[in-house]
Amino acid sequence: METLLSPLLAALLISVIDFHWLFAGTAAGFLASAALVVSSRVPNAVLVGGYRVRDRVLSGARVFLATPRLRGLMGLNLAVAGAGSIVMVNTVNLVQDTLGRSAADVAWLLTANGLGVLVIAFAVPVLVARFGDRAVMLTGAGVLCVAAGCAVAFTFTSTGLWH
């Protein structure tokens, strides 16, 4: 729900509030979130001493790479992160620079992305029950890779066709 609500709220706010104030509010929200994260603690956490951070990170990476299912999961996460980063990084440039649209249109497009994510999130349990988790996840990763390829192709073509 957050992926839909945040861009939708931004689209509504940017129509009545100056962009700089909206940015300042977002920054304040991030600082408040950081303060909440730093002030929280994990209940019943046991501190393990004697290990360096590098050793802990490398041991986790070794376990991850040694387990075939976790390697597959890492590939799926890479597909999701890659497609998500293309959306988050390139949407502003494509909408404002290439298509010549406003910042509000960026927010609306990100809202549409969030709505799509929300629809898929609700559909995945039904799809997994019907087709199995492996088939659904691999199909999703394939769709994301095709979509990423289309996004890259879109950046190299001159289009101004959003009316």
Protein backbone atom coordinates (compact mmCIF):
# COMPACT_ATOMS: atom_id res chain seq x y z
CA MET A 1 0.00 0.00 0.00
CA GLU A 2 2.92 2.30 0.74
CA THR A 3 4.15 2.04 -2.87
CA LEU A 4 0.80 3.39 -4.06
CA LEU A 5 0.08 5.90 -1.33
CA SER A 6 3.40 7.72 -1.34
CA PRO A 7 3.45 8.79 -5.03
CA LEU A 8 -0.28 9.50 -4.95
CA LEU A 9 0.14 11.73 -1.91
CA ALA A 10 3.13 13.41 -3.60
CA ALA A 11 1.06 14.04 -6.75
CA LEU A 12 -1.72 15.63 -4.72
CA LEU A 13 0.65 17.69 -2.58
CA ILE A 14 2.77 18.94 -5.47
CA SER A 15 -0.33 20.49 -6.99
CA VAL A 16 -0.79 22.74 -3.93
CA ILE A 17 2.66 22.90 -2.28
CA ASP A 18 5.92 24.14 -3.73
CA PHE A 19 8.36 21.35 -4.65
CA HIS A 20 11.01 22.60 -2.22
CA TRP A 21 8.62 22.38 0.76
CA LEU A 22 7.58 18.90 -0.33
CA PHE A 23 11.24 17.89 -0.50
CA ALA A 24 11.87 19.36 2.97
CA GLY A 25 8.90 17.41 4.35
CA THR A 26 10.24 14.21 2.80
CA ALA A 27 13.67 14.85 4.31
CA ALA A 28 12.08 15.43 7.73
CA GLY A 29 10.17 12.16 7.34
CA PHE A 30 13.38 10.28 6.54
CA LEU A 31 15.10 11.80 9.57
CA ALA A 32 12.18 10.82 11.80
CA SER A 33 12.30 7.27 10.40
CA ALA A 34 16.04 7.09 11.01
CA ALA A 35 15.55 8.26 14.60
CA LEU A 36 12.92 5.57 15.15
CA VAL A 37 15.17 2.86 13.68
CA VAL A 38 18.16 3.93 15.75
CA SER A 39 16.09 4.11 18.94
CA SER A 40 14.58 0.64 18.51
CA ARG A 41 16.18 -2.59 19.64
CA VAL A 42 15.72 -6.24 18.80
CA PRO A 43 14.15 -8.07 21.75
CA ASN A 44 16.11 -10.98 23.19
CA ALA A 45 19.07 -10.26 20.93
CA VAL A 46 22.28 -11.87 22.09
CA LEU A 47 25.46 -9.96 21.43
CA VAL A 48 28.15 -12.18 19.99
CA GLY A 49 31.63 -10.82 20.51
CA GLY A 50 34.95 -11.62 18.96
CA TYR A 51 33.90 -11.34 15.32
CA ARG A 52 34.82 -8.52 13.03
CA VAL A 53 32.20 -7.03 10.75
CA ARG A 54 34.10 -8.20 7.68
CA ASP A 55 34.14 -11.80 8.96
CA ARG A 56 30.40 -11.73 9.67
CA VAL A 57 29.59 -10.31 6.24
CA LEU A 58 31.83 -12.78 4.44
CA SER A 59 30.47 -15.75 6.39
CA GLY A 60 26.94 -14.73 5.48
CA ALA A 61 27.92 -14.37 1.82
CA ARG A 62 29.58 -17.81 1.90
CA VAL A 63 26.43 -19.42 3.31
CA PHE A 64 24.31 -17.61 0.73
CA LEU A 65 26.51 -18.69 -2.18
CA ALA A 66 26.84 -22.27 -0.93
CA THR A 67 23.07 -22.84 -0.77
CA PRO A 68 21.49 -23.36 -4.22
CA ARG A 69 18.04 -22.09 -3.18
CA LEU A 70 19.54 -18.94 -1.73
CA ARG A 71 21.52 -18.35 -4.95
CA GLY A 72 18.25 -18.57 -6.87
CA LEU A 73 16.63 -16.19 -4.42
CA MET A 74 19.53 -13.79 -4.89
CA GLY A 75 18.94 -13.88 -8.66
CA LEU A 76 15.24 -13.15 -8.20
CA ASN A 77 16.03 -10.28 -5.83
CA LEU A 78 18.50 -8.92 -8.37
CA ALA A 79 15.79 -8.92 -11.05
CA VAL A 80 13.34 -7.11 -8.76
CA ALA A 81 15.95 -4.59 -7.61
CA GLY A 82 17.13 -3.93 -11.15
CA ALA A 83 13.65 -3.26 -12.49
CA GLY A 84 12.74 -1.17 -9.44
CA SER A 85 15.88 0.91 -9.77
CA ILE A 86 15.16 1.58 -13.44
CA VAL A 87 11.73 2.89 -12.47
CA MET A 88 12.96 5.00 -9.57
CA VAL A 89 16.03 6.43 -11.29
CA ASN A 90 14.83 6.97 -14.84
CA THR A 91 11.21 8.00 -14.42
CA VAL A 92 12.00 11.61 -13.59
CA ASN A 93 14.40 11.99 -16.51
CA LEU A 94 12.13 10.27 -19.00
CA VAL A 95 8.97 12.10 -17.99
CA GLN A 96 10.43 15.58 -17.54
CA ASP A 97 13.35 15.70 -19.98
CA THR A 98 12.37 13.31 -22.77
CA LEU A 99 8.61 13.75 -22.70
CA GLY A 100 8.59 17.35 -21.44
CA ARG A 101 5.99 16.70 -18.77
CA SER A 102 5.60 18.18 -15.27
CA ALA A 103 6.73 16.94 -11.86
CA ALA A 104 3.10 16.11 -11.08
CA ASP A 105 3.10 13.73 -14.06
CA VAL A 106 6.16 12.02 -12.56
CA ALA A 107 4.23 11.48 -9.35
CA TRP A 108 1.21 10.14 -11.26
CA LEU A 109 3.39 7.75 -13.22
CA LEU A 110 5.03 6.52 -10.01
CA THR A 111 1.53 6.11 -8.57
CA ALA A 112 0.62 3.95 -11.55
CA ASN A 113 3.75 1.89 -10.90
CA GLY A 114 2.79 1.51 -7.25
CA LEU A 115 -0.73 0.46 -8.24
CA GLY A 116 0.72 -2.17 -10.55
CA VAL A 117 2.96 -3.46 -7.76
CA LEU A 118 -0.03 -3.59 -5.44
CA VAL A 119 -2.14 -5.54 -7.96
CA ILE A 120 0.66 -8.06 -8.46
CA ALA A 121 1.23 -8.36 -4.70
CA PHE A 122 -2.42 -9.35 -4.26
CA ALA A 123 -2.33 -11.69 -7.27
CA VAL A 124 0.85 -13.58 -6.33
CA PRO A 125 -0.67 -15.78 -3.58
CA VAL A 126 -3.44 -16.89 -5.94
CA LEU A 127 -0.96 -17.53 -8.75
CA VAL A 128 1.40 -19.45 -6.44
CA ALA A 129 -1.47 -21.64 -5.23
CA ARG A 130 -2.40 -22.44 -8.82
CA PHE A 131 1.00 -22.72 -10.58
CA GLY A 132 3.55 -23.19 -7.81
CA ASP A 133 6.08 -20.76 -6.41
CA ARG A 134 8.97 -21.61 -8.73
CA ALA A 135 6.98 -21.10 -11.94
CA VAL A 136 5.46 -17.83 -10.72
CA MET A 137 8.75 -16.39 -9.48
CA LEU A 138 10.72 -17.36 -12.61
CA THR A 139 7.96 -15.99 -14.85
CA GLY A 140 7.95 -12.76 -12.85
CA ALA A 141 11.72 -12.46 -13.14
CA GLY A 142 11.46 -13.03 -16.89
CA VAL A 143 8.77 -10.37 -17.24
CA LEU A 144 10.92 -7.94 -15.25
CA CYS A 145 13.93 -8.62 -17.48
CA VAL A 146 11.84 -8.04 -20.62
CA ALA A 147 10.40 -4.86 -19.11
CA ALA A 148 13.89 -3.66 -18.20
CA GLY A 149 15.00 -4.32 -21.77
CA CYS A 150 12.03 -2.34 -23.07
CA ALA A 151 12.85 0.52 -20.67
CA VAL A 152 16.44 0.59 -21.92
CA ALA A 153 15.23 0.52 -25.54
CA PHE A 154 12.80 3.35 -24.74
CA THR A 155 15.66 5.52 -23.49
CA PHE A 156 17.51 5.12 -26.79
CA THR A 157 14.56 5.99 -29.02
CA SER A 158 13.25 9.49 -29.46
CA THR A 159 9.66 9.50 -28.33
CA GLY A 160 7.51 12.36 -27.31
CA LEU A 161 4.27 10.49 -27.72
CA TRP A 162 2.67 10.92 -24.29
CA HIS A 163 -0.36 13.17 -24.87
